[in-house]
N, C-alpha and C. Protein backbone atom coordinates (compact mmCIF):
# COMPACT_ATOMS: atom_id res chain seq x y z
N UNK A 1 -105.95 40.22 131.77
CA UNK A 1 -105.32 39.13 131.06
C UNK A 1 -105.69 37.82 131.74
N UNK A 2 -105.85 36.78 130.94
CA UNK A 2 -106.11 35.44 131.45
C UNK A 2 -104.91 34.56 131.24
N UNK A 3 -104.83 33.51 132.02
CA UNK A 3 -103.71 32.58 131.93
C UNK A 3 -104.23 31.17 131.80
N UNK A 4 -103.44 30.30 131.16
CA UNK A 4 -103.84 28.91 131.06
C UNK A 4 -102.61 28.00 131.16
N UNK A 5 -102.86 26.78 131.56
CA UNK A 5 -101.83 25.75 131.68
C UNK A 5 -102.52 24.40 131.59
N UNK A 6 -101.86 23.35 132.01
CA UNK A 6 -102.49 22.05 132.07
C UNK A 6 -101.92 21.22 133.22
N UNK A 7 -102.70 20.23 133.61
CA UNK A 7 -102.27 19.20 134.56
C UNK A 7 -102.32 17.88 133.80
N UNK A 8 -101.33 17.04 134.03
CA UNK A 8 -101.28 15.79 133.28
C UNK A 8 -100.88 14.66 134.22
N UNK A 9 -101.61 13.55 134.13
CA UNK A 9 -101.33 12.40 134.97
C UNK A 9 -102.04 11.20 134.37
N UNK A 10 -102.34 10.22 135.20
CA UNK A 10 -103.10 9.06 134.75
C UNK A 10 -104.29 8.85 135.68
N UNK A 11 -105.34 8.24 135.15
CA UNK A 11 -106.48 7.86 135.98
C UNK A 11 -106.25 6.45 136.52
N UNK A 12 -107.22 5.93 137.24
CA UNK A 12 -107.09 4.60 137.83
C UNK A 12 -106.88 3.52 136.79
N UNK A 13 -107.29 3.78 135.54
CA UNK A 13 -107.10 2.78 134.48
C UNK A 13 -105.66 2.75 133.95
N UNK A 14 -104.80 3.63 134.45
CA UNK A 14 -103.40 3.65 134.06
C UNK A 14 -103.12 4.40 132.77
N UNK A 15 -104.16 4.95 132.14
CA UNK A 15 -103.98 5.67 130.89
C UNK A 15 -103.82 7.17 131.14
N UNK A 16 -103.02 7.84 130.31
CA UNK A 16 -102.78 9.26 130.52
C UNK A 16 -104.02 10.12 130.29
N UNK A 17 -104.03 11.23 131.01
CA UNK A 17 -105.12 12.21 130.91
C UNK A 17 -104.51 13.59 131.08
N UNK A 18 -104.94 14.53 130.27
CA UNK A 18 -104.52 15.93 130.41
C UNK A 18 -105.77 16.76 130.62
N UNK A 19 -105.68 17.71 131.54
CA UNK A 19 -106.76 18.66 131.76
C UNK A 19 -106.18 20.06 131.59
N UNK A 20 -106.63 20.75 130.54
CA UNK A 20 -106.24 22.14 130.34
C UNK A 20 -107.05 23.00 131.31
N UNK A 21 -106.42 24.04 131.83
CA UNK A 21 -107.05 24.92 132.82
C UNK A 21 -106.79 26.37 132.44
N UNK A 22 -107.82 27.20 132.57
CA UNK A 22 -107.65 28.64 132.32
C UNK A 22 -108.23 29.41 133.51
N UNK A 23 -107.57 30.50 133.86
CA UNK A 23 -108.08 31.38 134.93
C UNK A 23 -108.09 32.82 134.45
N UNK A 24 -109.04 33.56 135.00
CA UNK A 24 -109.14 34.99 134.74
C UNK A 24 -109.60 35.65 136.02
N UNK A 25 -108.96 36.72 136.42
CA UNK A 25 -109.28 37.44 137.65
C UNK A 25 -109.29 36.54 138.88
N UNK A 26 -108.36 35.57 138.92
CA UNK A 26 -108.22 34.73 140.10
C UNK A 26 -109.22 33.59 140.22
N UNK A 27 -110.05 33.38 139.18
CA UNK A 27 -111.03 32.29 139.21
C UNK A 27 -110.81 31.37 138.03
N UNK A 28 -111.08 30.08 138.24
CA UNK A 28 -111.03 29.15 137.11
C UNK A 28 -112.10 29.56 136.12
N UNK A 29 -111.72 29.69 134.87
CA UNK A 29 -112.57 30.21 133.82
C UNK A 29 -113.04 29.10 132.89
N UNK A 30 -112.14 28.16 132.62
CA UNK A 30 -112.46 27.10 131.67
C UNK A 30 -111.55 25.91 131.92
N UNK A 31 -112.02 24.73 131.52
CA UNK A 31 -111.22 23.51 131.60
C UNK A 31 -111.59 22.63 130.42
N UNK A 32 -110.68 21.82 129.98
CA UNK A 32 -110.95 20.92 128.87
C UNK A 32 -110.04 19.70 128.90
N UNK A 33 -110.63 18.53 128.71
CA UNK A 33 -109.90 17.27 128.75
C UNK A 33 -109.24 16.95 127.42
N UNK A 34 -108.19 16.16 127.52
CA UNK A 34 -107.55 15.57 126.34
C UNK A 34 -107.03 14.21 126.75
N UNK A 35 -107.38 13.19 125.96
CA UNK A 35 -106.81 11.86 126.17
C UNK A 35 -106.58 11.24 124.80
N UNK A 36 -106.16 9.99 124.77
CA UNK A 36 -105.81 9.36 123.50
C UNK A 36 -107.00 9.25 122.56
N UNK A 37 -108.18 9.01 123.10
CA UNK A 37 -109.37 8.85 122.26
C UNK A 37 -109.91 10.20 121.82
N UNK A 38 -109.81 11.20 122.68
CA UNK A 38 -110.31 12.55 122.38
C UNK A 38 -109.17 13.55 122.56
N UNK A 39 -108.20 13.53 121.64
CA UNK A 39 -107.07 14.45 121.79
C UNK A 39 -107.49 15.89 121.53
N UNK A 40 -106.92 16.77 122.29
CA UNK A 40 -107.15 18.21 122.12
C UNK A 40 -105.79 18.88 122.23
N UNK A 41 -105.48 19.72 121.28
CA UNK A 41 -104.19 20.39 121.30
C UNK A 41 -104.26 21.66 122.14
N UNK A 42 -103.09 22.17 122.46
CA UNK A 42 -103.01 23.46 123.17
C UNK A 42 -103.70 24.55 122.37
N UNK A 43 -103.46 24.56 121.06
CA UNK A 43 -104.06 25.59 120.21
C UNK A 43 -105.58 25.51 120.22
N UNK A 44 -106.12 24.30 120.19
CA UNK A 44 -107.58 24.14 120.22
C UNK A 44 -108.15 24.68 121.52
N UNK A 45 -107.50 24.36 122.65
CA UNK A 45 -107.98 24.87 123.94
C UNK A 45 -107.89 26.38 123.98
N UNK A 46 -106.75 26.93 123.59
CA UNK A 46 -106.57 28.39 123.62
C UNK A 46 -107.58 29.08 122.70
N UNK A 47 -107.87 28.49 121.54
CA UNK A 47 -108.84 29.07 120.60
C UNK A 47 -110.23 29.13 121.22
N UNK A 48 -110.65 28.07 121.91
CA UNK A 48 -112.00 28.06 122.48
C UNK A 48 -112.17 29.04 123.64
N UNK A 49 -111.06 29.55 124.18
CA UNK A 49 -111.16 30.55 125.24
C UNK A 49 -111.70 31.88 124.73
N UNK A 50 -111.56 32.14 123.43
CA UNK A 50 -112.10 33.35 122.84
C UNK A 50 -111.09 34.48 122.80
N UNK A 51 -111.51 35.56 122.15
CA UNK A 51 -110.61 36.70 121.94
C UNK A 51 -111.01 37.92 122.77
N UNK A 52 -112.07 37.80 123.59
CA UNK A 52 -112.48 38.94 124.40
C UNK A 52 -111.45 39.27 125.49
N UNK A 53 -110.68 38.26 125.87
CA UNK A 53 -109.65 38.41 126.89
C UNK A 53 -108.34 37.99 126.25
N UNK A 54 -107.27 38.68 126.59
CA UNK A 54 -105.95 38.27 126.10
C UNK A 54 -105.47 37.11 126.97
N UNK A 55 -105.17 35.97 126.33
CA UNK A 55 -104.77 34.74 127.04
C UNK A 55 -103.29 34.47 126.85
N UNK A 56 -102.67 34.02 127.91
CA UNK A 56 -101.25 33.74 127.89
C UNK A 56 -101.00 32.40 128.58
N UNK A 57 -100.15 31.58 127.99
CA UNK A 57 -99.76 30.32 128.61
C UNK A 57 -98.81 30.65 129.74
N UNK A 58 -99.19 30.34 130.98
CA UNK A 58 -98.36 30.68 132.13
C UNK A 58 -98.75 29.80 133.31
N UNK A 59 -97.76 29.29 134.01
CA UNK A 59 -98.00 28.48 135.20
C UNK A 59 -97.99 29.34 136.47
N UNK A 60 -97.70 30.63 136.33
CA UNK A 60 -97.39 31.46 137.49
C UNK A 60 -98.54 31.95 138.34
N UNK A 61 -99.78 31.87 137.89
CA UNK A 61 -100.85 32.44 138.71
C UNK A 61 -101.16 31.53 139.90
N UNK A 62 -101.49 32.14 141.03
CA UNK A 62 -101.83 31.38 142.24
C UNK A 62 -103.01 30.43 141.98
N UNK A 63 -104.02 30.93 141.27
CA UNK A 63 -105.21 30.12 141.00
C UNK A 63 -104.85 28.88 140.18
N UNK A 64 -104.01 29.05 139.17
CA UNK A 64 -103.62 27.91 138.34
C UNK A 64 -102.72 26.95 139.10
N UNK A 65 -101.79 27.46 139.87
CA UNK A 65 -100.92 26.57 140.65
C UNK A 65 -101.75 25.70 141.59
N UNK A 66 -102.70 26.30 142.28
CA UNK A 66 -103.54 25.53 143.20
C UNK A 66 -104.43 24.56 142.45
N UNK A 67 -104.96 24.97 141.31
CA UNK A 67 -105.80 24.08 140.50
C UNK A 67 -105.00 22.86 140.04
N UNK A 68 -103.77 23.06 139.60
CA UNK A 68 -102.93 21.94 139.15
C UNK A 68 -102.68 20.98 140.31
N UNK A 69 -102.39 21.51 141.49
CA UNK A 69 -102.17 20.66 142.67
C UNK A 69 -103.42 19.81 142.94
N UNK A 70 -104.58 20.46 142.96
CA UNK A 70 -105.82 19.74 143.28
C UNK A 70 -106.19 18.74 142.19
N UNK A 71 -105.98 19.08 140.93
CA UNK A 71 -106.28 18.13 139.85
C UNK A 71 -105.36 16.92 139.94
N UNK A 72 -104.08 17.15 140.18
CA UNK A 72 -103.15 16.03 140.32
C UNK A 72 -103.53 15.14 141.50
N UNK A 73 -104.00 15.73 142.59
CA UNK A 73 -104.47 14.93 143.73
C UNK A 73 -105.70 14.12 143.34
N UNK A 74 -106.60 14.72 142.56
CA UNK A 74 -107.78 13.98 142.07
C UNK A 74 -107.33 12.80 141.20
N UNK A 75 -106.44 13.04 140.24
CA UNK A 75 -105.95 11.98 139.37
C UNK A 75 -105.31 10.86 140.19
N UNK A 76 -104.60 11.21 141.26
CA UNK A 76 -103.91 10.23 142.10
C UNK A 76 -104.85 9.54 143.09
N UNK A 77 -106.12 9.92 143.12
CA UNK A 77 -107.07 9.32 144.04
C UNK A 77 -106.96 9.84 145.46
N UNK A 78 -106.33 11.00 145.64
CA UNK A 78 -106.14 11.57 146.97
C UNK A 78 -107.06 12.75 147.26
N UNK A 79 -107.87 13.15 146.30
CA UNK A 79 -108.78 14.29 146.49
C UNK A 79 -110.16 13.91 146.00
N UNK A 80 -111.16 14.14 146.87
CA UNK A 80 -112.54 13.82 146.53
C UNK A 80 -113.37 15.06 146.23
N UNK A 81 -112.90 16.22 146.65
CA UNK A 81 -113.62 17.47 146.39
C UNK A 81 -112.60 18.54 145.99
N UNK A 82 -113.09 19.55 145.30
CA UNK A 82 -112.23 20.67 144.90
C UNK A 82 -112.62 21.89 145.72
N UNK A 83 -111.62 22.68 146.05
CA UNK A 83 -111.84 23.92 146.79
C UNK A 83 -111.14 25.04 146.02
N UNK A 84 -111.81 25.49 144.96
CA UNK A 84 -111.24 26.49 144.07
C UNK A 84 -112.30 27.52 143.71
N UNK A 85 -111.93 28.77 143.49
CA UNK A 85 -112.90 29.77 143.02
C UNK A 85 -113.23 29.52 141.55
N UNK A 86 -114.51 29.40 141.25
CA UNK A 86 -114.97 29.09 139.90
C UNK A 86 -115.71 30.27 139.29
N UNK A 87 -115.46 30.55 138.03
CA UNK A 87 -116.21 31.56 137.28
C UNK A 87 -117.32 30.82 136.53
N UNK A 88 -118.50 30.78 137.12
CA UNK A 88 -119.65 30.11 136.49
C UNK A 88 -120.32 31.12 135.57
N UNK A 89 -120.11 30.96 134.27
CA UNK A 89 -120.58 31.92 133.28
C UNK A 89 -121.70 31.30 132.47
N UNK A 90 -122.93 31.75 132.72
CA UNK A 90 -124.07 31.23 131.98
C UNK A 90 -125.33 31.93 132.41
N UNK A 91 -126.46 31.40 131.95
CA UNK A 91 -127.76 31.96 132.34
C UNK A 91 -128.02 31.64 133.81
N UNK A 92 -128.96 32.33 134.43
CA UNK A 92 -129.27 32.01 135.83
C UNK A 92 -129.66 30.53 136.02
N UNK A 93 -130.41 29.96 135.07
CA UNK A 93 -130.78 28.55 135.18
C UNK A 93 -129.53 27.66 135.09
N UNK A 94 -128.65 27.92 134.14
CA UNK A 94 -127.43 27.12 134.00
C UNK A 94 -126.60 27.18 135.27
N UNK A 95 -126.45 28.37 135.83
CA UNK A 95 -125.65 28.53 137.04
C UNK A 95 -126.28 27.74 138.19
N UNK A 96 -127.62 27.75 138.31
CA UNK A 96 -128.29 26.95 139.35
C UNK A 96 -127.99 25.47 139.15
N UNK A 97 -128.07 25.01 137.91
CA UNK A 97 -127.78 23.61 137.61
C UNK A 97 -126.34 23.29 137.99
N UNK A 98 -125.39 24.13 137.56
CA UNK A 98 -123.98 23.86 137.82
C UNK A 98 -123.69 23.85 139.31
N UNK A 99 -124.29 24.76 140.05
CA UNK A 99 -124.09 24.75 141.51
C UNK A 99 -124.63 23.46 142.12
N UNK A 100 -125.74 22.98 141.60
CA UNK A 100 -126.31 21.72 142.09
C UNK A 100 -125.38 20.56 141.76
N UNK A 101 -124.76 20.59 140.59
CA UNK A 101 -123.84 19.51 140.21
C UNK A 101 -122.65 19.44 141.17
N UNK A 102 -122.20 20.59 141.67
CA UNK A 102 -121.07 20.58 142.60
C UNK A 102 -121.42 19.90 143.92
N UNK A 103 -122.70 19.67 144.16
CA UNK A 103 -123.14 18.99 145.38
C UNK A 103 -123.15 17.47 145.24
N UNK A 104 -123.00 16.96 144.02
CA UNK A 104 -122.96 15.51 143.83
C UNK A 104 -121.61 15.02 144.35
N UNK A 105 -121.61 14.12 145.30
CA UNK A 105 -120.33 13.68 145.89
C UNK A 105 -119.50 12.86 144.92
N UNK A 106 -118.21 12.84 145.18
CA UNK A 106 -117.27 12.00 144.45
C UNK A 106 -117.81 10.57 144.41
N UNK A 107 -117.88 10.00 143.22
CA UNK A 107 -118.39 8.64 143.07
C UNK A 107 -119.90 8.55 142.99
N UNK A 108 -120.60 9.65 143.24
CA UNK A 108 -122.06 9.65 143.19
C UNK A 108 -122.57 9.80 141.77
N UNK A 109 -123.80 9.39 141.57
CA UNK A 109 -124.42 9.51 140.26
C UNK A 109 -125.88 9.88 140.47
N UNK A 110 -126.32 10.91 139.79
CA UNK A 110 -127.72 11.31 139.80
C UNK A 110 -128.19 11.42 138.36
N UNK A 111 -129.51 11.43 138.18
CA UNK A 111 -130.06 11.55 136.82
C UNK A 111 -130.33 13.01 136.49
N UNK A 112 -130.52 13.27 135.20
CA UNK A 112 -130.91 14.61 134.76
C UNK A 112 -132.21 15.02 135.46
N UNK A 113 -133.12 14.06 135.62
CA UNK A 113 -134.37 14.33 136.33
C UNK A 113 -134.15 14.69 137.79
N UNK A 114 -133.21 14.01 138.45
CA UNK A 114 -132.88 14.33 139.85
C UNK A 114 -132.41 15.78 139.96
N UNK A 115 -131.57 16.20 139.03
CA UNK A 115 -131.04 17.57 139.07
C UNK A 115 -132.16 18.57 138.78
N UNK A 116 -133.00 18.25 137.80
CA UNK A 116 -134.14 19.13 137.48
C UNK A 116 -135.02 19.32 138.71
N UNK A 117 -135.28 18.23 139.41
CA UNK A 117 -136.08 18.29 140.64
C UNK A 117 -135.39 19.16 141.69
N UNK A 118 -134.09 18.97 141.85
CA UNK A 118 -133.33 19.71 142.87
C UNK A 118 -133.31 21.21 142.61
N UNK A 119 -133.37 21.64 141.34
CA UNK A 119 -133.36 23.07 141.05
C UNK A 119 -134.77 23.63 140.94
N UNK A 120 -135.77 22.81 141.29
CA UNK A 120 -137.15 23.28 141.32
C UNK A 120 -137.86 23.31 139.99
N UNK A 121 -137.34 22.61 139.00
CA UNK A 121 -137.93 22.55 137.67
C UNK A 121 -138.02 21.07 137.24
N UNK A 122 -138.93 20.28 137.85
CA UNK A 122 -138.93 18.84 137.62
C UNK A 122 -139.12 18.41 136.17
N UNK A 123 -139.74 19.22 135.36
CA UNK A 123 -139.95 18.86 133.95
C UNK A 123 -138.79 19.30 133.06
N UNK A 124 -137.78 19.93 133.62
CA UNK A 124 -136.72 20.54 132.82
C UNK A 124 -135.49 19.65 132.68
N UNK A 125 -135.67 18.34 132.64
CA UNK A 125 -134.51 17.45 132.55
C UNK A 125 -133.73 17.65 131.26
N UNK A 126 -134.42 17.99 130.16
CA UNK A 126 -133.69 18.27 128.91
C UNK A 126 -132.87 19.56 129.03
N UNK A 127 -133.44 20.56 129.69
CA UNK A 127 -132.71 21.81 129.91
C UNK A 127 -131.49 21.57 130.81
N UNK A 128 -131.61 20.65 131.76
CA UNK A 128 -130.46 20.28 132.59
C UNK A 128 -129.38 19.67 131.70
N UNK A 129 -129.78 18.79 130.77
CA UNK A 129 -128.82 18.21 129.83
C UNK A 129 -128.14 19.28 129.00
N UNK A 130 -128.91 20.26 128.53
CA UNK A 130 -128.33 21.37 127.76
C UNK A 130 -127.35 22.18 128.60
N UNK A 131 -127.70 22.42 129.87
CA UNK A 131 -126.80 23.16 130.77
C UNK A 131 -125.50 22.37 130.95
N UNK A 132 -125.62 21.05 131.11
CA UNK A 132 -124.42 20.22 131.24
C UNK A 132 -123.53 20.37 130.01
N UNK A 133 -124.14 20.41 128.84
CA UNK A 133 -123.39 20.54 127.60
C UNK A 133 -122.67 21.87 127.45
N UNK A 134 -123.08 22.87 128.22
CA UNK A 134 -122.46 24.20 128.16
C UNK A 134 -121.52 24.45 129.35
N UNK A 135 -121.29 23.42 130.13
CA UNK A 135 -120.43 23.52 131.30
C UNK A 135 -118.99 23.76 130.86
N UNK A 136 -118.43 24.91 131.21
CA UNK A 136 -117.05 25.26 130.85
C UNK A 136 -116.02 24.73 131.84
N UNK A 137 -116.49 24.12 132.93
CA UNK A 137 -115.58 23.66 133.97
C UNK A 137 -115.80 22.19 134.32
N UNK A 138 -115.70 21.30 133.30
CA UNK A 138 -115.89 19.89 133.63
C UNK A 138 -114.86 19.44 134.67
N UNK A 139 -115.19 18.49 135.43
CA UNK A 139 -114.49 17.94 136.58
C UNK A 139 -114.79 18.78 137.81
N UNK A 140 -114.61 20.09 137.76
CA UNK A 140 -114.89 20.96 138.90
C UNK A 140 -116.40 21.12 139.11
N UNK A 141 -117.13 21.18 138.03
CA UNK A 141 -118.59 21.11 138.01
C UNK A 141 -118.86 19.75 137.37
N UNK A 142 -119.02 18.71 138.19
CA UNK A 142 -118.91 17.32 137.71
C UNK A 142 -120.13 16.81 136.94
N UNK A 143 -120.29 17.30 135.73
CA UNK A 143 -121.41 16.86 134.91
C UNK A 143 -121.26 15.41 134.47
N UNK A 144 -120.06 14.84 134.61
CA UNK A 144 -119.88 13.42 134.29
C UNK A 144 -120.65 12.52 135.26
N UNK A 145 -121.06 13.06 136.40
CA UNK A 145 -121.80 12.28 137.41
C UNK A 145 -123.31 12.29 137.17
N UNK A 146 -123.75 12.89 136.06
CA UNK A 146 -125.18 12.95 135.75
C UNK A 146 -125.47 11.94 134.64
N UNK A 147 -126.43 11.05 134.92
CA UNK A 147 -126.78 9.97 134.01
C UNK A 147 -128.19 10.17 133.46
N UNK A 148 -128.45 9.50 132.36
CA UNK A 148 -129.80 9.50 131.79
C UNK A 148 -130.70 8.58 132.62
N UNK A 149 -131.98 8.63 132.33
CA UNK A 149 -132.93 7.76 133.02
C UNK A 149 -132.51 6.31 132.84
N UNK A 150 -132.73 5.51 133.87
CA UNK A 150 -132.38 4.11 133.80
C UNK A 150 -130.90 3.84 133.99
N UNK A 151 -130.11 4.86 134.35
CA UNK A 151 -128.69 4.67 134.61
C UNK A 151 -127.81 4.65 133.38
N UNK A 152 -128.37 4.97 132.20
CA UNK A 152 -127.53 5.03 130.99
C UNK A 152 -126.63 6.25 131.07
N UNK A 153 -125.51 6.18 130.36
CA UNK A 153 -124.54 7.28 130.43
C UNK A 153 -125.09 8.61 129.95
N UNK A 154 -125.95 8.62 128.96
CA UNK A 154 -126.44 9.88 128.41
C UNK A 154 -125.37 10.50 127.54
N UNK A 155 -125.20 11.79 127.59
CA UNK A 155 -124.21 12.46 126.77
C UNK A 155 -123.08 13.02 127.60
N UNK A 156 -122.04 13.48 126.91
CA UNK A 156 -120.93 14.14 127.56
C UNK A 156 -120.13 14.87 126.50
N UNK A 157 -119.83 16.12 126.76
CA UNK A 157 -119.12 16.94 125.79
C UNK A 157 -117.78 16.31 125.42
N UNK A 158 -117.12 15.70 126.37
CA UNK A 158 -115.84 15.06 126.11
C UNK A 158 -115.94 13.68 125.50
N UNK A 159 -117.16 13.20 125.27
CA UNK A 159 -117.37 11.87 124.72
C UNK A 159 -117.72 10.87 125.82
N UNK A 160 -118.51 9.87 125.46
CA UNK A 160 -118.95 8.89 126.45
C UNK A 160 -117.81 8.06 127.00
N UNK A 161 -116.77 7.83 126.20
CA UNK A 161 -115.61 7.10 126.70
C UNK A 161 -114.94 7.83 127.84
N UNK A 162 -114.82 9.13 127.72
CA UNK A 162 -114.21 9.93 128.78
C UNK A 162 -115.11 9.95 130.02
N UNK A 163 -116.41 10.10 129.81
CA UNK A 163 -117.35 10.08 130.94
C UNK A 163 -117.23 8.75 131.68
N UNK A 164 -117.20 7.67 130.94
CA UNK A 164 -117.06 6.35 131.53
C UNK A 164 -115.74 6.22 132.30
N UNK A 165 -114.65 6.75 131.74
CA UNK A 165 -113.35 6.71 132.42
C UNK A 165 -113.38 7.46 133.75
N UNK A 166 -114.01 8.65 133.75
CA UNK A 166 -114.07 9.43 134.98
C UNK A 166 -114.90 8.72 136.05
N UNK A 167 -116.03 8.15 135.64
CA UNK A 167 -116.87 7.41 136.60
C UNK A 167 -116.14 6.17 137.12
N UNK A 168 -115.44 5.46 136.23
CA UNK A 168 -114.69 4.28 136.64
C UNK A 168 -113.55 4.66 137.57
N UNK A 169 -112.90 5.79 137.31
CA UNK A 169 -111.82 6.27 138.19
C UNK A 169 -112.36 6.50 139.60
N UNK A 170 -113.48 7.20 139.69
CA UNK A 170 -114.04 7.50 141.00
C UNK A 170 -114.48 6.22 141.71
N UNK A 171 -115.08 5.30 140.97
CA UNK A 171 -115.50 4.03 141.56
C UNK A 171 -114.27 3.26 142.07
N UNK A 172 -113.20 3.25 141.29
CA UNK A 172 -111.99 2.53 141.70
C UNK A 172 -111.37 3.16 142.94
N UNK A 173 -111.33 4.49 143.00
CA UNK A 173 -110.77 5.17 144.16
C UNK A 173 -111.56 4.81 145.42
N UNK A 174 -112.88 4.73 145.28
CA UNK A 174 -113.73 4.40 146.43
C UNK A 174 -113.80 2.89 146.68
N UNK A 175 -113.24 2.10 145.77
CA UNK A 175 -113.26 0.65 145.94
C UNK A 175 -114.55 0.01 145.51
N UNK A 176 -115.35 0.71 144.70
CA UNK A 176 -116.62 0.17 144.21
C UNK A 176 -116.44 -0.39 142.81
N UNK A 177 -117.29 -1.33 142.46
CA UNK A 177 -117.35 -1.81 141.09
C UNK A 177 -118.08 -0.80 140.22
N UNK A 178 -118.05 -0.99 138.94
CA UNK A 178 -118.70 -0.06 138.01
C UNK A 178 -120.21 -0.02 138.17
N UNK A 179 -120.82 -1.07 138.73
CA UNK A 179 -122.27 -1.11 138.87
C UNK A 179 -122.76 -0.26 140.03
N UNK A 180 -121.85 0.22 140.89
CA UNK A 180 -122.26 1.01 142.05
C UNK A 180 -122.97 2.29 141.62
N UNK A 181 -124.10 2.56 142.24
CA UNK A 181 -124.83 3.79 141.95
C UNK A 181 -125.15 4.46 143.27
N UNK A 182 -124.68 5.67 143.45
CA UNK A 182 -124.95 6.36 144.69
C UNK A 182 -125.22 7.83 144.43
N UNK A 183 -126.14 8.37 145.18
CA UNK A 183 -126.44 9.79 145.13
C UNK A 183 -126.01 10.42 146.44
N UNK A 184 -126.60 11.54 146.76
CA UNK A 184 -126.23 12.26 147.98
C UNK A 184 -126.45 11.43 149.24
N UNK A 185 -127.58 10.76 149.33
CA UNK A 185 -127.92 10.05 150.55
C UNK A 185 -126.94 8.91 150.85
N UNK A 186 -126.47 8.24 149.80
CA UNK A 186 -125.59 7.08 150.00
C UNK A 186 -124.23 7.48 150.55
N UNK A 187 -123.75 8.67 150.24
CA UNK A 187 -122.42 9.06 150.69
C UNK A 187 -122.44 10.17 151.73
N UNK A 188 -123.62 10.61 152.10
CA UNK A 188 -123.69 11.72 153.07
C UNK A 188 -123.34 11.27 154.46
């Protein structure tokens, strides 16, 4: 059986944000954002989890309790990294991309090309974009930190407004303006 719940707070912009969370076998299985511009209902989140596993709304699992604590700390600007077991479900290439995304530091930004290079497939920047689009664990696998060439936002499953909000939140927590661009080297 799988369980799901949500964490709700505000980002640095003062606007509310909800993150739905699901766990199965003690690992985070899925996450999904909801805000005023991109509302998502409980039913929509539960539906996208699928029917292969029986899902139940419950706050009681250890994995979900810890995830809610860490997400709330992130929203409050008190957490820069997550330390949670993740169920990375995808092709071997997607999993390599997602693992690489977890290495982008809080407030950092890399391009799709940078990630393609890091996974040893420098010409696969479009495939990196596709992997980002299939990321079931946004925020924990921070695909919002991946930009298009030239620093443009590119795409985001939750919408560009949400991607921009997450980047602005991280910049505000670090005390940077929105123009700040940093990768691994700048924050290492």
